[in-house]
Amino acid sequence: MGQNTSQLRPKELKDLQINTHFTEKELQDWYRNFRRDYPDGCLTIDNFTNIYSNCFPEGDPETFAAQAFRTFDINGDGVINFREFMCALSVKSRGRCEQKLRWAFRMYDIDNNGYVSREEMIEIIQAMFKMTGNGDAAAAEERTDKIFNLMDKNSDGQLSQEEFIEGARSDPTIIQMLG
C-alpha cells in the first residue's frame, strides 16, 4: 500500500519537535505544504534558487542561494530534505541569538575549515549585494574591512567561530553589517 505523504510519521515528528522550535501542528502544516510543493520530498538547488528569485525579483540571487543552500544541506547530499529544511528554518526564524550566529558563521565559512577568511566574507557580502541590487565590490570590501577590524582580535586575517560570535554580540551594528 502507498505511504500517506500528507502526515509525518510519529518518529520523525517527535525528532523535529525535539530539534526545532515548532509545534506539532506547525510541523504537520509545513510538511503537508512541503510535500505538495516537492512531491519527491526533496528541495533541489534549482527549487531553492527559484524561491530566492521570487523574493528578490529585481536582483540576481543565484550565488547567494547556492551558499544558503549549502548551509541548509547539512549532510551534503545535494538536496534539502524536510528535516534539514525545518531545522534551518527553525534557527533562522525562532532560534536564539547564538544559534543564529552559528548558522551565519557556517554561511560565511564557505570552505568549511572552521574559519572565515576575508575572501569568503567578501564573496558572501557581494552575493547579498547582487541579490538585493544594492552595493558593489568596493562596498563589499569596505564592509568586510569594518567587520574584520572589529572582530579579528588576534589579527590573523581570519575569524574563528568564537571571534565571529563574540564580535557580533559585542556590537549590534556588526549584526546589521553581516546581513
N, C-alpha and C. Protein backbone atom coordinates (compact mmCIF):
# COMPACT_ATOMS: atom_id res chain seq x y z
N MET A 1 0.83 -1.18 0.00
CA MET A 1 0.00 0.00 0.00
C MET A 1 0.88 1.24 0.00
N GLY A 2 0.41 2.30 -0.63
CA GLY A 2 1.17 3.55 -0.70
C GLY A 2 1.23 4.24 0.66
N GLN A 3 2.35 4.90 0.91
CA GLN A 3 2.54 5.62 2.17
C GLN A 3 1.80 6.94 2.11
N ASN A 4 1.16 7.32 3.20
CA ASN A 4 0.49 8.60 3.30
C ASN A 4 1.56 9.67 3.46
N THR A 5 1.72 10.52 2.45
CA THR A 5 2.78 11.53 2.50
C THR A 5 2.27 12.87 3.00
N SER A 6 1.00 12.94 3.45
CA SER A 6 0.49 14.21 3.93
C SER A 6 0.73 14.38 5.43
N GLN A 7 1.21 13.34 6.08
CA GLN A 7 1.47 13.40 7.52
C GLN A 7 2.86 12.85 7.82
N LEU A 8 3.52 13.50 8.76
CA LEU A 8 4.82 13.00 9.22
C LEU A 8 4.61 11.73 10.02
N ARG A 9 5.54 10.81 9.93
CA ARG A 9 5.49 9.62 10.77
C ARG A 9 5.78 10.03 12.21
N PRO A 10 5.22 9.33 13.18
CA PRO A 10 5.39 9.72 14.59
C PRO A 10 6.85 9.89 15.02
N LYS A 11 7.71 8.99 14.56
CA LYS A 11 9.13 9.08 14.94
C LYS A 11 9.76 10.37 14.39
N GLU A 12 9.47 10.71 13.13
CA GLU A 12 10.00 11.94 12.52
C GLU A 12 9.44 13.18 13.20
N LEU A 13 8.15 13.12 13.52
CA LEU A 13 7.51 14.24 14.20
C LEU A 13 8.14 14.49 15.56
N LYS A 14 8.35 13.44 16.32
CA LYS A 14 8.96 13.57 17.65
C LYS A 14 10.38 14.15 17.54
N ASP A 15 11.15 13.66 16.57
CA ASP A 15 12.50 14.16 16.35
C ASP A 15 12.48 15.66 16.06
N LEU A 16 11.58 16.09 15.19
CA LEU A 16 11.51 17.50 14.83
C LEU A 16 11.00 18.36 15.98
N GLN A 17 10.11 17.82 16.80
CA GLN A 17 9.64 18.57 17.96
C GLN A 17 10.80 18.79 18.95
N ILE A 18 11.68 17.82 19.05
CA ILE A 18 12.83 17.93 19.95
C ILE A 18 13.87 18.89 19.37
N ASN A 19 14.06 18.87 18.05
CA ASN A 19 15.17 19.59 17.42
C ASN A 19 14.80 20.92 16.74
N THR A 20 13.54 21.32 16.84
CA THR A 20 13.14 22.62 16.29
C THR A 20 12.30 23.36 17.32
N HIS A 21 11.91 24.57 16.95
CA HIS A 21 11.07 25.41 17.80
C HIS A 21 9.64 25.45 17.27
N PHE A 22 9.21 24.38 16.59
CA PHE A 22 7.88 24.35 16.01
C PHE A 22 6.97 23.39 16.77
N THR A 23 5.68 23.70 16.76
CA THR A 23 4.69 22.83 17.40
C THR A 23 4.35 21.67 16.46
N GLU A 24 3.65 20.68 17.01
CA GLU A 24 3.22 19.54 16.20
C GLU A 24 2.36 20.01 15.02
N LYS A 25 1.42 20.89 15.28
CA LYS A 25 0.55 21.37 14.21
C LYS A 25 1.35 22.13 13.15
N GLU A 26 2.26 23.00 13.58
CA GLU A 26 3.08 23.74 12.61
C GLU A 26 3.90 22.78 11.75
N LEU A 27 4.49 21.78 12.39
CA LEU A 27 5.30 20.81 11.64
C LEU A 27 4.44 20.05 10.63
N GLN A 28 3.25 19.63 11.05
CA GLN A 28 2.36 18.90 10.12
C GLN A 28 1.94 19.80 8.96
N ASP A 29 1.65 21.08 9.25
CA ASP A 29 1.27 22.02 8.19
C ASP A 29 2.44 22.25 7.22
N TRP A 30 3.63 22.49 7.77
CA TRP A 30 4.81 22.68 6.92
C TRP A 30 5.05 21.43 6.07
N TYR A 31 4.91 20.26 6.68
CA TYR A 31 5.16 19.02 5.96
C TYR A 31 4.18 18.85 4.79
N ARG A 32 2.92 19.10 5.07
CA ARG A 32 1.89 18.97 4.03
C ARG A 32 2.23 19.91 2.85
N ASN A 33 2.59 21.16 3.14
CA ASN A 33 2.93 22.11 2.09
C ASN A 33 4.23 21.74 1.37
N PHE A 34 5.21 21.29 2.13
CA PHE A 34 6.49 20.87 1.55
C PHE A 34 6.27 19.73 0.56
N ARG A 35 5.50 18.73 0.97
CA ARG A 35 5.24 17.57 0.09
C ARG A 35 4.37 17.95 -1.10
N ARG A 36 3.49 18.93 -0.92
CA ARG A 36 2.69 19.41 -2.05
C ARG A 36 3.60 20.08 -3.08
N ASP A 37 4.51 20.94 -2.59
CA ASP A 37 5.40 21.68 -3.49
C ASP A 37 6.55 20.83 -4.03
N TYR A 38 6.99 19.85 -3.25
CA TYR A 38 8.13 18.99 -3.62
C TYR A 38 7.73 17.54 -3.36
N PRO A 39 6.92 16.97 -4.26
CA PRO A 39 6.35 15.63 -4.04
C PRO A 39 7.38 14.54 -3.77
N ASP A 40 8.60 14.70 -4.30
CA ASP A 40 9.61 13.67 -4.04
C ASP A 40 10.26 13.84 -2.67
N GLY A 41 9.87 14.88 -1.93
CA GLY A 41 10.36 15.07 -0.56
C GLY A 41 11.70 15.78 -0.46
N CYS A 42 12.18 16.32 -1.58
CA CYS A 42 13.48 16.99 -1.57
C CYS A 42 13.41 18.31 -2.32
N LEU A 43 14.17 19.26 -1.83
CA LEU A 43 14.30 20.57 -2.44
C LEU A 43 15.66 20.61 -3.13
N THR A 44 15.67 20.90 -4.42
CA THR A 44 16.92 20.94 -5.17
C THR A 44 17.48 22.37 -5.17
N ILE A 45 18.70 22.51 -5.65
CA ILE A 45 19.30 23.84 -5.77
C ILE A 45 18.47 24.72 -6.71
N ASP A 46 17.93 24.16 -7.76
CA ASP A 46 17.09 24.94 -8.68
C ASP A 46 15.82 25.42 -7.99
N ASN A 47 15.18 24.52 -7.21
CA ASN A 47 13.99 24.92 -6.45
C ASN A 47 14.34 26.06 -5.49
N PHE A 48 15.46 25.89 -4.82
CA PHE A 48 15.90 26.85 -3.81
C PHE A 48 16.19 28.21 -4.45
N THR A 49 16.84 28.20 -5.60
CA THR A 49 17.15 29.44 -6.31
C THR A 49 15.86 30.11 -6.77
N ASN A 50 14.88 29.34 -7.19
CA ASN A 50 13.59 29.91 -7.59
C ASN A 50 12.90 30.61 -6.44
N ILE A 51 13.00 30.05 -5.24
CA ILE A 51 12.41 30.69 -4.06
C ILE A 51 13.05 32.07 -3.87
N TYR A 52 14.37 32.12 -3.91
CA TYR A 52 15.07 33.40 -3.75
C TYR A 52 14.76 34.35 -4.91
N SER A 53 14.61 33.84 -6.11
CA SER A 53 14.27 34.69 -7.25
C SER A 53 12.91 35.33 -7.07
N ASN A 54 11.98 34.59 -6.50
CA ASN A 54 10.65 35.15 -6.24
C ASN A 54 10.69 36.22 -5.15
N CYS A 55 11.58 36.05 -4.19
CA CYS A 55 11.71 37.03 -3.10
C CYS A 55 12.48 38.28 -3.53
N PHE A 56 13.39 38.12 -4.49
CA PHE A 56 14.24 39.22 -4.95
C PHE A 56 14.19 39.31 -6.47
N PRO A 57 13.02 39.66 -7.02
CA PRO A 57 12.86 39.65 -8.48
C PRO A 57 13.72 40.67 -9.22
N GLU A 58 14.17 41.71 -8.54
CA GLU A 58 14.97 42.74 -9.18
C GLU A 58 16.47 42.42 -9.16
N GLY A 59 16.86 41.47 -8.33
CA GLY A 59 18.28 41.15 -8.20
C GLY A 59 18.64 39.82 -8.83
N ASP A 60 19.86 39.39 -8.59
CA ASP A 60 20.35 38.11 -9.06
C ASP A 60 20.75 37.27 -7.85
N PRO A 61 19.85 36.41 -7.39
CA PRO A 61 20.10 35.67 -6.15
C PRO A 61 20.87 34.35 -6.32
N GLU A 62 21.30 34.03 -7.52
CA GLU A 62 21.86 32.70 -7.77
C GLU A 62 23.05 32.36 -6.86
N THR A 63 24.01 33.26 -6.73
CA THR A 63 25.20 32.98 -5.91
C THR A 63 24.83 32.88 -4.44
N PHE A 64 24.00 33.80 -3.96
CA PHE A 64 23.60 33.75 -2.56
C PHE A 64 22.79 32.49 -2.29
N ALA A 65 21.87 32.16 -3.18
CA ALA A 65 21.04 30.96 -2.99
C ALA A 65 21.91 29.71 -2.90
N ALA A 66 22.96 29.64 -3.70
CA ALA A 66 23.86 28.47 -3.66
C ALA A 66 24.55 28.37 -2.30
N GLN A 67 24.95 29.52 -1.74
CA GLN A 67 25.61 29.50 -0.44
C GLN A 67 24.61 29.16 0.67
N ALA A 68 23.41 29.72 0.59
CA ALA A 68 22.39 29.40 1.59
C ALA A 68 22.01 27.92 1.49
N PHE A 69 21.91 27.42 0.27
CA PHE A 69 21.58 26.00 0.06
C PHE A 69 22.60 25.12 0.78
N ARG A 70 23.86 25.47 0.66
CA ARG A 70 24.93 24.71 1.31
C ARG A 70 24.72 24.63 2.83
N THR A 71 24.24 25.71 3.43
CA THR A 71 24.05 25.70 4.89
C THR A 71 22.81 24.92 5.29
N PHE A 72 21.82 24.84 4.41
CA PHE A 72 20.63 24.04 4.69
C PHE A 72 20.91 22.55 4.49
N ASP A 73 21.71 22.21 3.48
CA ASP A 73 22.00 20.83 3.11
C ASP A 73 23.08 20.26 4.05
N ILE A 74 22.67 19.96 5.25
CA ILE A 74 23.61 19.58 6.31
C ILE A 74 24.43 18.34 5.95
N ASN A 75 23.80 17.35 5.33
CA ASN A 75 24.54 16.12 5.03
C ASN A 75 25.27 16.17 3.69
N GLY A 76 25.15 17.28 2.97
CA GLY A 76 25.92 17.48 1.74
C GLY A 76 25.55 16.56 0.60
N ASP A 77 24.31 16.07 0.57
CA ASP A 77 23.92 15.14 -0.49
C ASP A 77 23.33 15.82 -1.73
N GLY A 78 23.33 17.15 -1.73
CA GLY A 78 22.87 17.88 -2.91
C GLY A 78 21.39 18.17 -2.95
N VAL A 79 20.65 17.78 -1.93
CA VAL A 79 19.22 18.10 -1.80
C VAL A 79 18.94 18.45 -0.34
N ILE A 80 17.86 19.18 -0.16
CA ILE A 80 17.42 19.53 1.19
C ILE A 80 16.16 18.73 1.47
N ASN A 81 16.24 17.83 2.45
CA ASN A 81 15.06 17.08 2.83
C ASN A 81 14.25 17.88 3.84
N PHE A 82 13.09 17.38 4.20
CA PHE A 82 12.21 18.13 5.09
C PHE A 82 12.86 18.40 6.44
N ARG A 83 13.56 17.45 7.00
CA ARG A 83 14.21 17.64 8.30
C ARG A 83 15.26 18.76 8.23
N GLU A 84 16.10 18.73 7.20
CA GLU A 84 17.11 19.77 7.04
C GLU A 84 16.45 21.15 6.89
N PHE A 85 15.39 21.17 6.10
CA PHE A 85 14.67 22.43 5.86
C PHE A 85 14.12 22.99 7.16
N MET A 86 13.45 22.16 7.93
CA MET A 86 12.81 22.64 9.16
C MET A 86 13.83 23.01 10.23
N CYS A 87 14.92 22.27 10.33
CA CYS A 87 15.95 22.62 11.32
C CYS A 87 16.57 23.98 11.00
N ALA A 88 16.87 24.22 9.74
CA ALA A 88 17.44 25.52 9.35
C ALA A 88 16.41 26.63 9.52
N LEU A 89 15.19 26.38 9.10
CA LEU A 89 14.14 27.38 9.23
C LEU A 89 13.90 27.72 10.71
N SER A 90 13.95 26.73 11.55
CA SER A 90 13.77 26.93 12.99
C SER A 90 14.82 27.88 13.55
N VAL A 91 16.07 27.64 13.18
CA VAL A 91 17.16 28.51 13.66
C VAL A 91 16.97 29.91 13.11
N LYS A 92 16.74 30.02 11.81
CA LYS A 92 16.62 31.33 11.17
C LYS A 92 15.43 32.13 11.70
N SER A 93 14.32 31.48 11.97
CA SER A 93 13.11 32.22 12.34
C SER A 93 12.86 32.30 13.84
N ARG A 94 13.32 31.29 14.59
CA ARG A 94 12.98 31.26 16.01
C ARG A 94 14.14 30.92 16.93
N GLY A 95 15.30 30.79 16.35
CA GLY A 95 16.45 30.40 17.15
C GLY A 95 16.94 31.50 18.08
N ARG A 96 17.68 31.09 19.08
CA ARG A 96 18.33 32.04 19.98
C ARG A 96 19.44 32.74 19.21
N CYS A 97 19.88 33.87 19.73
CA CYS A 97 20.90 34.68 19.07
C CYS A 97 22.13 33.84 18.74
N GLU A 98 22.61 33.05 19.69
CA GLU A 98 23.81 32.25 19.45
C GLU A 98 23.59 31.23 18.33
N GLN A 99 22.42 30.61 18.27
CA GLN A 99 22.12 29.66 17.20
C GLN A 99 22.16 30.37 15.84
N LYS A 100 21.57 31.54 15.78
CA LYS A 100 21.55 32.29 14.52
C LYS A 100 22.97 32.68 14.10
N LEU A 101 23.79 33.06 15.07
CA LEU A 101 25.16 33.44 14.75
C LEU A 101 25.98 32.24 14.29
N ARG A 102 25.76 31.07 14.90
CA ARG A 102 26.46 29.86 14.45
C ARG A 102 26.04 29.50 13.03
N TRP A 103 24.75 29.66 12.72
CA TRP A 103 24.26 29.40 11.37
C TRP A 103 24.91 30.38 10.39
N ALA A 104 24.94 31.67 10.78
CA ALA A 104 25.56 32.69 9.92
C ALA A 104 27.04 32.38 9.70
N PHE A 105 27.72 31.93 10.74
CA PHE A 105 29.13 31.58 10.60
C PHE A 105 29.30 30.49 9.55
N ARG A 106 28.45 29.46 9.59
CA ARG A 106 28.53 28.37 8.60
C ARG A 106 28.33 28.91 7.19
N MET A 107 27.46 29.91 7.07
CA MET A 107 27.21 30.51 5.75
C MET A 107 28.48 31.18 5.23
N TYR A 108 29.17 31.92 6.09
CA TYR A 108 30.37 32.64 5.67
C TYR A 108 31.58 31.72 5.52
N ASP A 109 31.60 30.62 6.25
CA ASP A 109 32.73 29.67 6.18
C ASP A 109 32.53 28.75 4.98
N ILE A 110 32.75 29.28 3.81
CA ILE A 110 32.44 28.59 2.55
C ILE A 110 33.19 27.26 2.42
N ASP A 111 34.48 27.25 2.78
CA ASP A 111 35.25 26.02 2.62
C ASP A 111 35.15 25.08 3.82
N ASN A 112 34.34 25.49 4.81
CA ASN A 112 34.06 24.65 5.97
C ASN A 112 35.33 24.24 6.73
N ASN A 113 36.29 25.16 6.83
CA ASN A 113 37.53 24.84 7.55
C ASN A 113 37.54 25.36 8.99
N GLY A 114 36.41 25.93 9.43
CA GLY A 114 36.31 26.43 10.80
C GLY A 114 36.72 27.88 10.95
N TYR A 115 37.03 28.55 9.85
CA TYR A 115 37.41 29.96 9.87
C TYR A 115 36.77 30.68 8.70
N VAL A 116 36.51 31.97 8.90
CA VAL A 116 36.02 32.81 7.81
C VAL A 116 37.17 33.71 7.40
N SER A 117 37.57 33.59 6.14
CA SER A 117 38.63 34.46 5.61
C SER A 117 37.99 35.74 5.07
N ARG A 118 38.82 36.73 4.83
CA ARG A 118 38.33 37.98 4.22
C ARG A 118 37.68 37.67 2.87
N GLU A 119 38.31 36.78 2.10
CA GLU A 119 37.79 36.45 0.77
C GLU A 119 36.41 35.81 0.86
N GLU A 120 36.24 34.91 1.84
CA GLU A 120 34.93 34.27 2.00
C GLU A 120 33.87 35.30 2.37
N MET A 121 34.21 36.19 3.29
CA MET A 121 33.24 37.21 3.70
C MET A 121 32.90 38.13 2.54
N ILE A 122 33.90 38.55 1.79
CA ILE A 122 33.65 39.40 0.62
C ILE A 122 32.72 38.68 -0.35
N GLU A 123 32.96 37.40 -0.58
CA GLU A 123 32.14 36.64 -1.53
C GLU A 123 30.67 36.61 -1.10
N ILE A 124 30.42 36.36 0.18
CA ILE A 124 29.04 36.30 0.66
C ILE A 124 28.39 37.70 0.61
N ILE A 125 29.11 38.69 1.05
CA ILE A 125 28.55 40.06 1.04
C ILE A 125 28.28 40.50 -0.40
N GLN A 126 29.17 40.21 -1.33
CA GLN A 126 28.92 40.54 -2.74
C GLN A 126 27.68 39.81 -3.24
N ALA A 127 27.52 38.55 -2.84
CA ALA A 127 26.34 37.78 -3.26
C ALA A 127 25.06 38.41 -2.72
N MET A 128 25.11 38.91 -1.48
CA MET A 128 23.95 39.60 -0.91
C MET A 128 23.65 40.87 -1.69
N PHE A 129 24.70 41.64 -2.00
CA PHE A 129 24.51 42.87 -2.77
C PHE A 129 23.92 42.56 -4.14
N LYS A 130 24.43 41.54 -4.78
CA LYS A 130 23.95 41.15 -6.11
C LYS A 130 22.47 40.73 -6.05
N MET A 131 22.13 40.04 -4.97
CA MET A 131 20.75 39.56 -4.81
C MET A 131 19.78 40.72 -4.60
N THR A 132 20.20 41.70 -3.80
CA THR A 132 19.31 42.82 -3.48
C THR A 132 19.45 43.99 -4.43
N GLY A 133 20.51 43.97 -5.24
CA GLY A 133 20.75 45.07 -6.16
C GLY A 133 21.35 46.30 -5.49
N ASN A 134 21.88 46.13 -4.27
CA ASN A 134 22.48 47.24 -3.52
C ASN A 134 23.96 46.97 -3.28
N GLY A 135 24.80 47.94 -3.61
CA GLY A 135 26.23 47.80 -3.33
C GLY A 135 27.00 47.18 -4.48
N ASP A 136 28.32 47.22 -4.34
CA ASP A 136 29.20 46.69 -5.38
C ASP A 136 30.42 46.06 -4.71
N ALA A 137 31.40 45.68 -5.51
CA ALA A 137 32.60 45.02 -4.98
C ALA A 137 33.33 45.90 -3.98
N ALA A 138 33.45 47.18 -4.27
CA ALA A 138 34.15 48.09 -3.36
C ALA A 138 33.41 48.20 -2.03
N ALA A 139 32.09 48.26 -2.09
CA ALA A 139 31.29 48.34 -0.86
C ALA A 139 31.41 47.05 -0.05
N ALA A 140 31.49 45.90 -0.72
CA ALA A 140 31.65 44.62 -0.02
C ALA A 140 33.00 44.56 0.67
N GLU A 141 34.03 45.05 0.01
CA GLU A 141 35.36 45.07 0.63
C GLU A 141 35.40 46.02 1.81
N GLU A 142 34.76 47.17 1.67
CA GLU A 142 34.72 48.15 2.76
C GLU A 142 33.99 47.58 3.98
N ARG A 143 32.86 46.93 3.74
CA ARG A 143 32.11 46.32 4.84
C ARG A 143 32.93 45.22 5.49
N THR A 144 33.59 44.40 4.69
CA THR A 144 34.43 43.33 5.23
C THR A 144 35.56 43.90 6.08
N ASP A 145 36.19 44.95 5.60
CA ASP A 145 37.26 45.58 6.39
C ASP A 145 36.74 46.04 7.75
N LYS A 146 35.57 46.66 7.78
CA LYS A 146 35.00 47.11 9.05
C LYS A 146 34.73 45.93 9.98
N ILE A 147 34.16 44.88 9.45
CA ILE A 147 33.84 43.70 10.26
C ILE A 147 35.13 43.08 10.81
N PHE A 148 36.13 42.92 9.95
CA PHE A 148 37.39 42.32 10.40
C PHE A 148 38.10 43.21 11.43
N ASN A 149 38.03 44.52 11.25
CA ASN A 149 38.65 45.43 12.23
C ASN A 149 38.01 45.28 13.60
N LEU A 150 36.71 44.99 13.62
CA LEU A 150 36.02 44.83 14.89
C LEU A 150 36.15 43.42 15.47
N MET A 151 36.22 42.41 14.63
CA MET A 151 36.14 41.02 15.10
C MET A 151 37.47 40.29 15.19
N ASP A 152 38.39 40.56 14.31
CA ASP A 152 39.63 39.78 14.23
C ASP A 152 40.59 40.18 15.35
N LYS A 153 40.29 39.68 16.55
CA LYS A 153 41.03 40.09 17.76
C LYS A 153 42.51 39.72 17.71
N ASN A 154 42.85 38.60 17.11
CA ASN A 154 44.26 38.19 17.06
C ASN A 154 44.94 38.60 15.76
N SER A 155 44.25 39.36 14.93
CA SER A 155 44.80 39.93 13.69
C SER A 155 45.47 38.89 12.79
N ASP A 156 44.87 37.70 12.70
CA ASP A 156 45.45 36.66 11.85
C ASP A 156 44.81 36.60 10.46
N GLY A 157 43.89 37.54 10.18
CA GLY A 157 43.29 37.59 8.85
C GLY A 157 42.16 36.61 8.63
N GLN A 158 41.73 35.96 9.70
CA GLN A 158 40.59 35.06 9.60
C GLN A 158 39.82 35.10 10.91
N LEU A 159 38.54 34.76 10.84
CA LEU A 159 37.70 34.78 12.02
C LEU A 159 37.37 33.36 12.44
N SER A 160 37.67 33.04 13.69
CA SER A 160 37.21 31.77 14.25
C SER A 160 35.73 31.94 14.59
N GLN A 161 35.06 30.84 14.84
CA GLN A 161 33.65 30.93 15.22
C GLN A 161 33.50 31.74 16.51
N GLU A 162 34.44 31.56 17.43
CA GLU A 162 34.38 32.30 18.70
C GLU A 162 34.53 33.81 18.46
N GLU A 163 35.50 34.21 17.63
CA GLU A 163 35.67 35.62 17.32
C GLU A 163 34.42 36.19 16.66
N PHE A 164 33.87 35.42 15.73
CA PHE A 164 32.69 35.84 14.99
C PHE A 164 31.52 36.08 15.95
N ILE A 165 31.26 35.12 16.83
CA ILE A 165 30.13 35.23 17.76
C ILE A 165 30.37 36.33 18.79
N GLU A 166 31.56 36.36 19.36
CA GLU A 166 31.89 37.42 20.34
C GLU A 166 31.78 38.79 19.71
N GLY A 167 32.33 38.94 18.53
CA GLY A 167 32.29 40.23 17.85
C GLY A 167 30.88 40.67 17.54
N ALA A 168 30.05 39.76 17.08
CA ALA A 168 28.66 40.10 16.76
C ALA A 168 27.88 40.46 18.02
N ARG A 169 28.14 39.74 19.09
CA ARG A 169 27.45 40.03 20.35
C ARG A 169 27.88 41.35 20.97
N SER A 170 29.13 41.71 20.79
CA SER A 170 29.67 42.91 21.44
C SER A 170 29.25 44.20 20.76
N ASP A 171 28.81 44.11 19.51
CA ASP A 171 28.47 45.33 18.78
C ASP A 171 27.28 45.05 17.86
N PRO A 172 26.08 45.53 18.23
CA PRO A 172 24.88 45.26 17.44
C PRO A 172 24.99 45.73 15.98
N THR A 173 25.84 46.72 15.72
CA THR A 173 25.96 47.18 14.33
C THR A 173 26.60 46.11 13.45
N ILE A 174 27.38 45.22 14.06
CA ILE A 174 28.01 44.15 13.28
C ILE A 174 26.93 43.22 12.71
N ILE A 175 25.94 42.89 13.52
CA ILE A 175 24.88 42.01 13.03
C ILE A 175 24.20 42.65 11.83
N GLN A 176 24.00 43.95 11.87
CA GLN A 176 23.41 44.65 10.72
C GLN A 176 24.35 44.60 9.52
N MET A 177 25.65 44.75 9.75
CA MET A 177 26.61 44.71 8.65
C MET A 177 26.71 43.33 8.02
N LEU A 178 26.48 42.29 8.82
CA LEU A 178 26.56 40.92 8.30
C LEU A 178 25.40 40.61 7.38
N GLY A 179 24.28 41.22 7.61
CA GLY A 179 23.08 40.87 6.84
C GLY A 179 22.68 41.84 5.83
